[in-house]
All heavy atoms as atom14 arrays in JSON, in Angstrom:
{
  "sequence": "FYAKLGFLRDPDEFAPQAKACGLVHANGMRIHLIYNGLAAEQGNVLLD",
  "atom14_mask": [
    [1, 1, 1, 1, 1, 1, 1, 1, 1, 1, 1, 0, 0, 0],
    [1, 1, 1, 1, 1, 1, 1, 1, 1, 1, 1, 1, 0, 0],
    [1, 1, 1, 1, 1, 0, 0, 0, 0, 0, 0, 0, 0, 0],
    [1, 1, 1, 1, 1, 1, 1, 1, 1, 0, 0, 0, 0, 0],
    [1, 1, 1, 1, 1, 1, 1, 1, 0, 0, 0, 0, 0, 0],
    [1, 1, 1, 1, 0, 0, 0, 0, 0, 0, 0, 0, 0, 0],
    [1, 1, 1, 1, 1, 1, 1, 1, 1, 1, 1, 0, 0, 0],
    [1, 1, 1, 1, 1, 1, 1, 1, 0, 0, 0, 0, 0, 0],
    [1, 1, 1, 1, 1, 1, 1, 1, 1, 1, 1, 0, 0, 0],
    [1, 1, 1, 1, 1, 1, 1, 1, 0, 0, 0, 0, 0, 0],
    [1, 1, 1, 1, 1, 1, 1, 0, 0, 0, 0, 0, 0, 0],
    [1, 1, 1, 1, 1, 1, 1, 1, 0, 0, 0, 0, 0, 0],
    [1, 1, 1, 1, 1, 1, 1, 1, 1, 0, 0, 0, 0, 0],
    [1, 1, 1, 1, 1, 1, 1, 1, 1, 1, 1, 0, 0, 0],
    [1, 1, 1, 1, 1, 0, 0, 0, 0, 0, 0, 0, 0, 0],
    [1, 1, 1, 1, 1, 1, 1, 0, 0, 0, 0, 0, 0, 0],
    [1, 1, 1, 1, 1, 1, 1, 1, 1, 0, 0, 0, 0, 0],
    [1, 1, 1, 1, 1, 0, 0, 0, 0, 0, 0, 0, 0, 0],
    [1, 1, 1, 1, 1, 1, 1, 1, 1, 0, 0, 0, 0, 0],
    [1, 1, 1, 1, 1, 0, 0, 0, 0, 0, 0, 0, 0, 0],
    [1, 1, 1, 1, 1, 1, 0, 0, 0, 0, 0, 0, 0, 0],
    [1, 1, 1, 1, 0, 0, 0, 0, 0, 0, 0, 0, 0, 0],
    [1, 1, 1, 1, 1, 1, 1, 1, 0, 0, 0, 0, 0, 0],
    [1, 1, 1, 1, 1, 1, 1, 0, 0, 0, 0, 0, 0, 0],
    [1, 1, 1, 1, 1, 1, 1, 1, 1, 1, 0, 0, 0, 0],
    [1, 1, 1, 1, 1, 0, 0, 0, 0, 0, 0, 0, 0, 0],
    [1, 1, 1, 1, 1, 1, 1, 1, 0, 0, 0, 0, 0, 0],
    [1, 1, 1, 1, 0, 0, 0, 0, 0, 0, 0, 0, 0, 0],
    [1, 1, 1, 1, 1, 1, 1, 1, 0, 0, 0, 0, 0, 0],
    [1, 1, 1, 1, 1, 1, 1, 1, 1, 1, 1, 0, 0, 0],
    [1, 1, 1, 1, 1, 1, 1, 1, 0, 0, 0, 0, 0, 0],
    [1, 1, 1, 1, 1, 1, 1, 1, 1, 1, 0, 0, 0, 0],
    [1, 1, 1, 1, 1, 1, 1, 1, 0, 0, 0, 0, 0, 0],
    [1, 1, 1, 1, 1, 1, 1, 1, 0, 0, 0, 0, 0, 0],
    [1, 1, 1, 1, 1, 1, 1, 1, 1, 1, 1, 1, 0, 0],
    [1, 1, 1, 1, 1, 1, 1, 1, 0, 0, 0, 0, 0, 0],
    [1, 1, 1, 1, 0, 0, 0, 0, 0, 0, 0, 0, 0, 0],
    [1, 1, 1, 1, 1, 1, 1, 1, 0, 0, 0, 0, 0, 0],
    [1, 1, 1, 1, 1, 0, 0, 0, 0, 0, 0, 0, 0, 0],
    [1, 1, 1, 1, 1, 0, 0, 0, 0, 0, 0, 0, 0, 0],
    [1, 1, 1, 1, 1, 1, 1, 1, 1, 0, 0, 0, 0, 0],
    [1, 1, 1, 1, 1, 1, 1, 1, 1, 0, 0, 0, 0, 0],
    [1, 1, 1, 1, 0, 0, 0, 0, 0, 0, 0, 0, 0, 0],
    [1, 1, 1, 1, 1, 1, 1, 1, 0, 0, 0, 0, 0, 0],
    [1, 1, 1, 1, 1, 1, 1, 0, 0, 0, 0, 0, 0, 0],
    [1, 1, 1, 1, 1, 1, 1, 1, 0, 0, 0, 0, 0, 0],
    [1, 1, 1, 1, 1, 1, 1, 1, 0, 0, 0, 0, 0, 0],
    [1, 1, 1, 1, 1, 1, 1, 1, 0, 0, 0, 0, 0, 0]
  ],
  "atom14_positions": [
    [[-16.76, 32.19, -4.23], [-15.72, 32.63, -5.15], [-15.48, 31.57, -6.23], [-15.46, 31.86, -7.43], [-14.41, 32.91, -4.4], [-13.26, 33.26, -5.3], [-13.09, 34.56, -5.74], [-12.36, 32.3, -5.71], [-12.03, 34.89, -6.59], [-11.3, 32.61, -6.55], [-11.13, 33.91, -6.98], [0.0, 0.0, 0.0], [0.0, 0.0, 0.0], [0.0, 0.0, 0.0]],
    [[-15.28, 30.32, -5.82], [-14.98, 29.27, -6.78], [-16.18, 28.93, -7.65], [-16.01, 28.48, -8.79], [-14.39, 28.04, -6.07], [-12.95, 28.29, -5.68], [-12.62, 28.73, -4.41], [-11.93, 28.15, -6.61], [-11.3, 29.0, -4.06], [-10.61, 28.43, -6.28], [-10.3, 28.85, -5.01], [-9.0, 29.13, -4.69], [0.0, 0.0, 0.0], [0.0, 0.0, 0.0]],
    [[-17.38, 29.18, -7.16], [-18.58, 29.0, -8.0], [-18.54, 29.97, -9.18], [-18.96, 29.62, -10.29], [-19.85, 29.21, -7.17], [0.0, 0.0, 0.0], [0.0, 0.0, 0.0], [0.0, 0.0, 0.0], [0.0, 0.0, 0.0], [0.0, 0.0, 0.0], [0.0, 0.0, 0.0], [0.0, 0.0, 0.0], [0.0, 0.0, 0.0], [0.0, 0.0, 0.0]],
    [[-18.01, 31.18, -8.97], [-17.87, 32.13, -10.07], [-16.94, 31.59, -11.15], [-17.06, 31.94, -12.32], [-17.32, 33.47, -9.56], [-18.28, 34.26, -8.74], [-17.63, 35.56, -8.3], [-18.56, 36.39, -7.46], [-17.94, 37.68, -7.08], [0.0, 0.0, 0.0], [0.0, 0.0, 0.0], [0.0, 0.0, 0.0], [0.0, 0.0, 0.0], [0.0, 0.0, 0.0]],
    [[-16.0, 30.73, -10.75], [-15.07, 30.12, -11.7], [-15.62, 28.82, -12.29], [-14.94, 28.15, -13.05], [-13.73, 29.84, -11.02], [-12.98, 31.08, -10.52], [-11.73, 30.66, -9.77], [-12.63, 32.02, -11.66], [0.0, 0.0, 0.0], [0.0, 0.0, 0.0], [0.0, 0.0, 0.0], [0.0, 0.0, 0.0], [0.0, 0.0, 0.0], [0.0, 0.0, 0.0]],
    [[-16.86, 28.47, -11.9], [-17.51, 27.29, -12.46], [-17.42, 26.03, -11.62], [-17.84, 24.97, -12.06], [0.0, 0.0, 0.0], [0.0, 0.0, 0.0], [0.0, 0.0, 0.0], [0.0, 0.0, 0.0], [0.0, 0.0, 0.0], [0.0, 0.0, 0.0], [0.0, 0.0, 0.0], [0.0, 0.0, 0.0], [0.0, 0.0, 0.0], [0.0, 0.0, 0.0]],
    [[-16.88, 26.12, -10.4], [-16.77, 24.96, -9.52], [-17.94, 24.93, -8.56], [-18.14, 25.88, -7.8], [-15.46, 25.01, -8.73], [-14.24, 24.78, -9.56], [-13.58, 25.84, -10.16], [-13.75, 23.5, -9.75], [-12.45, 25.64, -10.93], [-12.63, 23.27, -10.53], [-11.97, 24.34, -11.12], [0.0, 0.0, 0.0], [0.0, 0.0, 0.0], [0.0, 0.0, 0.0]],
    [[-18.71, 23.84, -8.58], [-19.89, 23.72, -7.73], [-19.74, 22.53, -6.78], [-19.06, 21.55, -7.09], [-21.14, 23.55, -8.58], [-21.4, 24.69, -9.59], [-22.6, 24.37, -10.45], [-21.57, 26.02, -8.87], [0.0, 0.0, 0.0], [0.0, 0.0, 0.0], [0.0, 0.0, 0.0], [0.0, 0.0, 0.0], [0.0, 0.0, 0.0], [0.0, 0.0, 0.0]],
    [[-20.41, 22.62, -5.64], [-20.29, 21.59, -4.62], [-20.75, 20.23, -5.15], [-21.79, 20.1, -5.77], [-21.13, 21.94, -3.4], [-20.95, 20.93, -2.26], [-21.78, 21.24, -1.07], [-21.27, 22.4, -0.37], [-21.54, 22.67, 0.91], [-22.33, 21.88, 1.6], [-21.03, 23.75, 1.47], [0.0, 0.0, 0.0], [0.0, 0.0, 0.0], [0.0, 0.0, 0.0]],
    [[-19.93, 19.23, -4.87], [-20.28, 17.84, -5.15], [-20.75, 17.23, -3.83], [-19.95, 17.05, -2.93], [-19.06, 17.09, -5.68], [-19.35, 15.64, -6.0], [-20.4, 15.11, -5.59], [-18.49, 15.01, -6.65], [0.0, 0.0, 0.0], [0.0, 0.0, 0.0], [0.0, 0.0, 0.0], [0.0, 0.0, 0.0], [0.0, 0.0, 0.0], [0.0, 0.0, 0.0]],
    [[-22.07, 16.93, -3.71], [-22.58, 16.43, -2.43], [-21.89, 15.14, -1.98], [-21.83, 14.86, -0.78], [-24.06, 16.2, -2.68], [-24.33, 16.5, -4.1], [-23.08, 17.04, -4.73], [0.0, 0.0, 0.0], [0.0, 0.0, 0.0], [0.0, 0.0, 0.0], [0.0, 0.0, 0.0], [0.0, 0.0, 0.0], [0.0, 0.0, 0.0], [0.0, 0.0, 0.0]],
    [[-21.34, 14.37, -2.91], [-20.63, 13.14, -2.54], [-19.23, 13.42, -2.01], [-18.56, 12.49, -1.55], [-20.54, 12.2, -3.75], [-21.9, 11.66, -4.16], [-22.78, 11.53, -3.28], [-22.08, 11.38, -5.35], [0.0, 0.0, 0.0], [0.0, 0.0, 0.0], [0.0, 0.0, 0.0], [0.0, 0.0, 0.0], [0.0, 0.0, 0.0], [0.0, 0.0, 0.0]],
    [[-18.78, 14.65, -2.12], [-17.42, 15.01, -1.69], [-17.45, 16.03, -0.56], [-16.52, 16.82, -0.41], [-16.63, 15.59, -2.87], [-16.4, 14.61, -3.99], [-15.25, 13.66, -3.72], [-14.3, 14.06, -3.02], [-15.32, 12.52, -4.18], [0.0, 0.0, 0.0], [0.0, 0.0, 0.0], [0.0, 0.0, 0.0], [0.0, 0.0, 0.0], [0.0, 0.0, 0.0]],
    [[-18.51, 16.05, 0.23], [-18.6, 16.98, 1.36], [-18.37, 16.17, 2.63], [-19.11, 15.24, 2.92], [-19.97, 17.66, 1.39], [-20.12, 18.67, 2.49], [-19.25, 19.74, 2.6], [-21.11, 18.54, 3.43], [-19.38, 20.68, 3.61], [-21.26, 19.46, 4.46], [-20.39, 20.53, 4.54], [0.0, 0.0, 0.0], [0.0, 0.0, 0.0], [0.0, 0.0, 0.0]],
    [[-17.31, 16.5, 3.37], [-16.94, 15.75, 4.56], [-16.74, 16.71, 5.74], [-15.62, 17.1, 6.03], [-15.67, 14.95, 4.3], [0.0, 0.0, 0.0], [0.0, 0.0, 0.0], [0.0, 0.0, 0.0], [0.0, 0.0, 0.0], [0.0, 0.0, 0.0], [0.0, 0.0, 0.0], [0.0, 0.0, 0.0], [0.0, 0.0, 0.0], [0.0, 0.0, 0.0]],
    [[-17.84, 17.1, 6.4], [-17.71, 18.05, 7.51], [-16.76, 17.59, 8.6], [-16.06, 18.4, 9.2], [-19.14, 18.19, 8.04], [-20.03, 17.65, 6.99], [-19.21, 16.7, 6.17], [0.0, 0.0, 0.0], [0.0, 0.0, 0.0], [0.0, 0.0, 0.0], [0.0, 0.0, 0.0], [0.0, 0.0, 0.0], [0.0, 0.0, 0.0], [0.0, 0.0, 0.0]],
    [[-16.7, 16.27, 8.87], [-15.81, 15.77, 9.91], [-14.34, 16.04, 9.56], [-13.51, 16.19, 10.45], [-16.05, 14.27, 10.17], [-15.61, 13.33, 9.05], [-16.55, 13.23, 7.86], [-17.52, 13.97, 7.72], [-16.25, 12.31, 6.95], [0.0, 0.0, 0.0], [0.0, 0.0, 0.0], [0.0, 0.0, 0.0], [0.0, 0.0, 0.0], [0.0, 0.0, 0.0]],
    [[-14.02, 16.13, 8.28], [-12.66, 16.42, 7.84], [-12.48, 17.88, 7.44], [-11.42, 18.27, 6.99], [-12.3, 15.52, 6.66], [0.0, 0.0, 0.0], [0.0, 0.0, 0.0], [0.0, 0.0, 0.0], [0.0, 0.0, 0.0], [0.0, 0.0, 0.0], [0.0, 0.0, 0.0], [0.0, 0.0, 0.0], [0.0, 0.0, 0.0], [0.0, 0.0, 0.0]],
    [[-13.54, 18.67, 7.59], [-13.52, 20.08, 7.17], [-13.09, 20.19, 5.7], [-12.26, 21.02, 5.34], [-12.63, 20.92, 8.06], [-13.05, 20.94, 9.51], [-13.58, 22.29, 9.85], [-13.9, 22.35, 11.33], [-15.17, 22.99, 11.56], [0.0, 0.0, 0.0], [0.0, 0.0, 0.0], [0.0, 0.0, 0.0], [0.0, 0.0, 0.0], [0.0, 0.0, 0.0]],
    [[-13.68, 19.34, 4.85], [-13.35, 19.32, 3.43], [-14.63, 19.34, 2.61], [-15.6, 18.67, 2.94], [-12.54, 18.08, 3.09], [0.0, 0.0, 0.0], [0.0, 0.0, 0.0], [0.0, 0.0, 0.0], [0.0, 0.0, 0.0], [0.0, 0.0, 0.0], [0.0, 0.0, 0.0], [0.0, 0.0, 0.0], [0.0, 0.0, 0.0], [0.0, 0.0, 0.0]],
    [[-14.59, 20.13, 1.53], [-15.74, 20.24, 0.65], [-15.24, 20.14, -0.79], [-14.45, 20.97, -1.25], [-16.44, 21.58, 0.87], [-17.86, 21.85, -0.19], [0.0, 0.0, 0.0], [0.0, 0.0, 0.0], [0.0, 0.0, 0.0], [0.0, 0.0, 0.0], [0.0, 0.0, 0.0], [0.0, 0.0, 0.0], [0.0, 0.0, 0.0], [0.0, 0.0, 0.0]],
    [[-15.7, 19.11, -1.49], [-15.29, 18.91, -2.87], [-16.15, 19.74, -3.81], [-17.37, 19.8, -3.67], [0.0, 0.0, 0.0], [0.0, 0.0, 0.0], [0.0, 0.0, 0.0], [0.0, 0.0, 0.0], [0.0, 0.0, 0.0], [0.0, 0.0, 0.0], [0.0, 0.0, 0.0], [0.0, 0.0, 0.0], [0.0, 0.0, 0.0], [0.0, 0.0, 0.0]],
    [[-15.48, 20.37, -4.78], [-16.17, 21.12, -5.83], [-15.77, 20.51, -7.16], [-14.64, 20.06, -7.34], [-15.77, 22.6, -5.79], [-15.92, 23.35, -4.48], [-15.46, 24.8, -4.65], [-17.34, 23.31, -3.97], [0.0, 0.0, 0.0], [0.0, 0.0, 0.0], [0.0, 0.0, 0.0], [0.0, 0.0, 0.0], [0.0, 0.0, 0.0], [0.0, 0.0, 0.0]],
    [[-16.72, 20.52, -8.09], [-16.44, 19.97, -9.41], [-16.87, 20.97, -10.48], [-17.87, 21.66, -10.34], [-17.13, 18.59, -9.6], [-18.64, 18.71, -9.55], [-16.68, 17.92, -10.87], [0.0, 0.0, 0.0], [0.0, 0.0, 0.0], [0.0, 0.0, 0.0], [0.0, 0.0, 0.0], [0.0, 0.0, 0.0], [0.0, 0.0, 0.0], [0.0, 0.0, 0.0]],
    [[-16.08, 21.05, -11.52], [-16.34, 21.91, -12.67], [-17.09, 21.08, -13.71], [-16.96, 19.86, -13.74], [-15.01, 22.42, -13.23], [-15.13, 23.55, -14.19], [-15.41, 23.36, -15.52], [-15.0, 24.88, -14.01], [-15.45, 24.52, -16.12], [-15.2, 25.47, -15.23], [0.0, 0.0, 0.0], [0.0, 0.0, 0.0], [0.0, 0.0, 0.0], [0.0, 0.0, 0.0]],
    [[-17.83, 21.71, -14.59], [-18.56, 21.0, -15.65], [-17.63, 20.16, -16.52], [-18.04, 19.14, -17.06], [-19.34, 22.0, -16.51], [0.0, 0.0, 0.0], [0.0, 0.0, 0.0], [0.0, 0.0, 0.0], [0.0, 0.0, 0.0], [0.0, 0.0, 0.0], [0.0, 0.0, 0.0], [0.0, 0.0, 0.0], [0.0, 0.0, 0.0], [0.0, 0.0, 0.0]],
    [[-16.36, 20.56, -16.63], [-15.41, 19.8, -17.45], [-14.77, 18.64, -16.69], [-13.92, 17.96, -17.23], [-14.35, 20.72, -18.05], [-13.45, 21.33, -16.99], [-13.41, 20.87, -15.84], [-12.73, 22.36, -17.36], [0.0, 0.0, 0.0], [0.0, 0.0, 0.0], [0.0, 0.0, 0.0], [0.0, 0.0, 0.0], [0.0, 0.0, 0.0], [0.0, 0.0, 0.0]],
    [[-15.17, 18.44, -15.41], [-14.67, 17.32, -14.62], [-13.53, 17.65, -13.68], [-13.16, 16.81, -12.85], [0.0, 0.0, 0.0], [0.0, 0.0, 0.0], [0.0, 0.0, 0.0], [0.0, 0.0, 0.0], [0.0, 0.0, 0.0], [0.0, 0.0, 0.0], [0.0, 0.0, 0.0], [0.0, 0.0, 0.0], [0.0, 0.0, 0.0], [0.0, 0.0, 0.0]],
    [[-12.92, 18.83, -13.78], [-11.86, 19.21, -12.84], [-12.44, 19.28, -11.44], [-13.56, 19.72, -11.25], [-11.25, 20.57, -13.19], [-10.37, 20.57, -14.39], [-9.55, 22.18, -14.6], [-10.93, 23.29, -14.78], [0.0, 0.0, 0.0], [0.0, 0.0, 0.0], [0.0, 0.0, 0.0], [0.0, 0.0, 0.0], [0.0, 0.0, 0.0], [0.0, 0.0, 0.0]],
    [[-11.62, 18.9, -10.46], [-12.07, 18.91, -9.07], [-11.09, 19.68, -8.2], [-9.88, 19.62, -8.4], [-12.17, 17.49, -8.53], [-13.22, 16.67, -9.21], [-13.34, 15.28, -8.6], [-14.55, 14.65, -9.08], [-15.76, 14.86, -8.57], [-15.91, 15.65, -7.54], [-16.81, 14.28, -9.09], [0.0, 0.0, 0.0], [0.0, 0.0, 0.0], [0.0, 0.0, 0.0]],
    [[-11.65, 20.38, -7.22], [-10.85, 20.97, -6.15], [-11.53, 20.62, -4.84], [-12.73, 20.36, -4.79], [-10.68, 22.5, -6.29], [-12.03, 23.22, -6.25], [-9.91, 22.86, -7.54], [-11.91, 24.73, -6.26], [0.0, 0.0, 0.0], [0.0, 0.0, 0.0], [0.0, 0.0, 0.0], [0.0, 0.0, 0.0], [0.0, 0.0, 0.0], [0.0, 0.0, 0.0]],
    [[-10.75, 20.56, -3.79], [-11.29, 20.38, -2.44], [-10.94, 21.61, -1.63], [-9.77, 22.0, -1.56], [-10.69, 19.14, -1.77], [-11.27, 17.86, -2.27], [-10.89, 16.65, -1.76], [-12.2, 17.6, -3.22], [-11.57, 15.69, -2.37], [-12.36, 16.25, -3.27], [0.0, 0.0, 0.0], [0.0, 0.0, 0.0], [0.0, 0.0, 0.0], [0.0, 0.0, 0.0]],
    [[-11.95, 22.21, -1.03], [-11.73, 23.32, -0.12], [-11.55, 22.73, 1.27], [-12.45, 22.07, 1.79], [-12.9, 24.29, -0.15], [-13.2, 24.94, -1.51], [-14.43, 25.83, -1.4], [-12.0, 25.72, -2.01], [0.0, 0.0, 0.0], [0.0, 0.0, 0.0], [0.0, 0.0, 0.0], [0.0, 0.0, 0.0], [0.0, 0.0, 0.0], [0.0, 0.0, 0.0]],
    [[-10.4, 22.95, 1.86], [-10.11, 22.49, 3.22], [-10.33, 23.71, 4.11], [-9.55, 24.65, 4.09], [-8.66, 21.99, 3.35], [-8.29, 21.03, 2.2], [-8.42, 21.36, 4.73], [-9.17, 19.83, 2.05], [0.0, 0.0, 0.0], [0.0, 0.0, 0.0], [0.0, 0.0, 0.0], [0.0, 0.0, 0.0], [0.0, 0.0, 0.0], [0.0, 0.0, 0.0]],
    [[-11.45, 23.71, 4.84], [-11.86, 24.94, 5.53], [-11.53, 24.92, 7.01], [-12.35, 25.09, 7.88], [-13.35, 25.24, 5.27], [-14.34, 24.15, 5.61], [-15.02, 24.15, 6.82], [-14.6, 23.14, 4.7], [-15.95, 23.16, 7.12], [-15.53, 22.15, 4.99], [-16.19, 22.17, 6.2], [-17.1, 21.19, 6.49], [0.0, 0.0, 0.0], [0.0, 0.0, 0.0]],
    [[-10.22, 24.78, 7.28], [-9.73, 24.87, 8.65], [-8.59, 25.87, 8.78], [-7.81, 25.83, 9.73], [-9.3, 23.49, 9.16], [-8.13, 22.92, 8.37], [-7.65, 23.53, 7.42], [-7.69, 21.74, 8.74], [0.0, 0.0, 0.0], [0.0, 0.0, 0.0], [0.0, 0.0, 0.0], [0.0, 0.0, 0.0], [0.0, 0.0, 0.0], [0.0, 0.0, 0.0]],
    [[-8.49, 26.77, 7.82], [-7.39, 27.73, 7.8], [-7.61, 28.89, 8.75], [-8.75, 29.28, 9.04], [0.0, 0.0, 0.0], [0.0, 0.0, 0.0], [0.0, 0.0, 0.0], [0.0, 0.0, 0.0], [0.0, 0.0, 0.0], [0.0, 0.0, 0.0], [0.0, 0.0, 0.0], [0.0, 0.0, 0.0], [0.0, 0.0, 0.0], [0.0, 0.0, 0.0]],
    [[-6.52, 29.43, 9.25], [-6.54, 30.65, 10.04], [-6.09, 31.79, 9.14], [-5.18, 31.63, 8.34], [-5.59, 30.54, 11.24], [-5.91, 29.43, 12.24], [-4.82, 29.36, 13.3], [-7.26, 29.67, 12.89], [0.0, 0.0, 0.0], [0.0, 0.0, 0.0], [0.0, 0.0, 0.0], [0.0, 0.0, 0.0], [0.0, 0.0, 0.0], [0.0, 0.0, 0.0]],
    [[-6.73, 32.93, 9.29], [-6.39, 34.09, 8.46], [-4.92, 34.46, 8.66], [-4.44, 34.54, 9.79], [-7.3, 35.26, 8.78], [0.0, 0.0, 0.0], [0.0, 0.0, 0.0], [0.0, 0.0, 0.0], [0.0, 0.0, 0.0], [0.0, 0.0, 0.0], [0.0, 0.0, 0.0], [0.0, 0.0, 0.0], [0.0, 0.0, 0.0], [0.0, 0.0, 0.0]],
    [[-4.22, 34.66, 7.57], [-2.81, 35.07, 7.63], [-2.74, 36.55, 7.94], [-3.54, 37.34, 7.45], [-2.12, 34.76, 6.31], [0.0, 0.0, 0.0], [0.0, 0.0, 0.0], [0.0, 0.0, 0.0], [0.0, 0.0, 0.0], [0.0, 0.0, 0.0], [0.0, 0.0, 0.0], [0.0, 0.0, 0.0], [0.0, 0.0, 0.0], [0.0, 0.0, 0.0]],
    [[-1.77, 36.91, 8.75], [-1.6, 38.32, 9.12], [-0.96, 39.13, 8.0], [-1.22, 40.31, 7.89], [-0.76, 38.43, 10.39], [-1.47, 37.86, 11.61], [-0.6, 37.94, 12.86], [0.37, 38.72, 12.86], [-0.91, 37.22, 13.81], [0.0, 0.0, 0.0], [0.0, 0.0, 0.0], [0.0, 0.0, 0.0], [0.0, 0.0, 0.0], [0.0, 0.0, 0.0]],
    [[-0.13, 38.5, 7.19], [0.59, 39.24, 6.17], [0.59, 38.52, 4.83], [1.63, 38.23, 4.27], [2.03, 39.49, 6.62], [2.11, 40.36, 7.85], [3.55, 40.58, 8.28], [4.44, 39.84, 7.91], [3.77, 41.61, 9.06], [0.0, 0.0, 0.0], [0.0, 0.0, 0.0], [0.0, 0.0, 0.0], [0.0, 0.0, 0.0], [0.0, 0.0, 0.0]],
    [[-0.57, 38.22, 4.32], [-0.66, 37.63, 2.99], [-0.47, 36.13, 2.99], [-0.62, 35.44, 3.99], [0.0, 0.0, 0.0], [0.0, 0.0, 0.0], [0.0, 0.0, 0.0], [0.0, 0.0, 0.0], [0.0, 0.0, 0.0], [0.0, 0.0, 0.0], [0.0, 0.0, 0.0], [0.0, 0.0, 0.0], [0.0, 0.0, 0.0], [0.0, 0.0, 0.0]],
    [[-0.1, 35.62, 1.84], [0.11, 34.2, 1.62], [1.47, 33.81, 2.19], [2.5, 34.31, 1.74], [0.03, 33.94, 0.1], [0.22, 32.5, -0.27], [1.14, 31.84, 0.18], [-0.66, 32.01, -1.13], [0.0, 0.0, 0.0], [0.0, 0.0, 0.0], [0.0, 0.0, 0.0], [0.0, 0.0, 0.0], [0.0, 0.0, 0.0], [0.0, 0.0, 0.0]],
    [[1.49, 32.9, 3.17], [2.73, 32.57, 3.87], [3.75, 31.9, 2.96], [4.95, 31.95, 3.25], [2.48, 31.71, 5.13], [1.67, 32.47, 6.16], [1.8, 30.4, 4.77], [0.0, 0.0, 0.0], [0.0, 0.0, 0.0], [0.0, 0.0, 0.0], [0.0, 0.0, 0.0], [0.0, 0.0, 0.0], [0.0, 0.0, 0.0], [0.0, 0.0, 0.0]],
    [[3.33, 31.27, 1.88], [4.29, 30.64, 0.98], [4.86, 31.6, -0.05], [5.98, 31.43, -0.51], [3.63, 29.46, 0.25], [3.31, 28.25, 1.12], [2.58, 27.2, 0.31], [4.56, 27.67, 1.74], [0.0, 0.0, 0.0], [0.0, 0.0, 0.0], [0.0, 0.0, 0.0], [0.0, 0.0, 0.0], [0.0, 0.0, 0.0], [0.0, 0.0, 0.0]],
    [[4.09, 32.62, -0.43], [4.54, 33.49, -1.51], [4.91, 34.9, -1.06], [5.75, 35.54, -1.67], [3.46, 33.56, -2.59], [3.25, 32.26, -3.34], [2.04, 32.35, -4.24], [4.48, 31.89, -4.13], [0.0, 0.0, 0.0], [0.0, 0.0, 0.0], [0.0, 0.0, 0.0], [0.0, 0.0, 0.0], [0.0, 0.0, 0.0], [0.0, 0.0, 0.0]],
    [[4.25, 35.41, -0.04], [4.43, 36.82, 0.32], [5.46, 37.05, 1.42], [5.93, 38.16, 1.61], [3.09, 37.43, 0.74], [2.06, 37.36, -0.39], [2.47, 37.41, -1.56], [0.86, 37.25, -0.09], [0.0, 0.0, 0.0], [0.0, 0.0, 0.0], [0.0, 0.0, 0.0], [0.0, 0.0, 0.0], [0.0, 0.0, 0.0], [0.0, 0.0, 0.0]]
  ]
}
């Protein structure tokens, strides 16, 4: 999904032990996907 928005994996920011994967955009913006989430039963718990 985030690749469609232009964010691609940064191999230097991939930390399987921390369940974190860094993505970087061509313009330098960075996001980290923290992949230890459990599916919410009723949407986004902060907003919905």
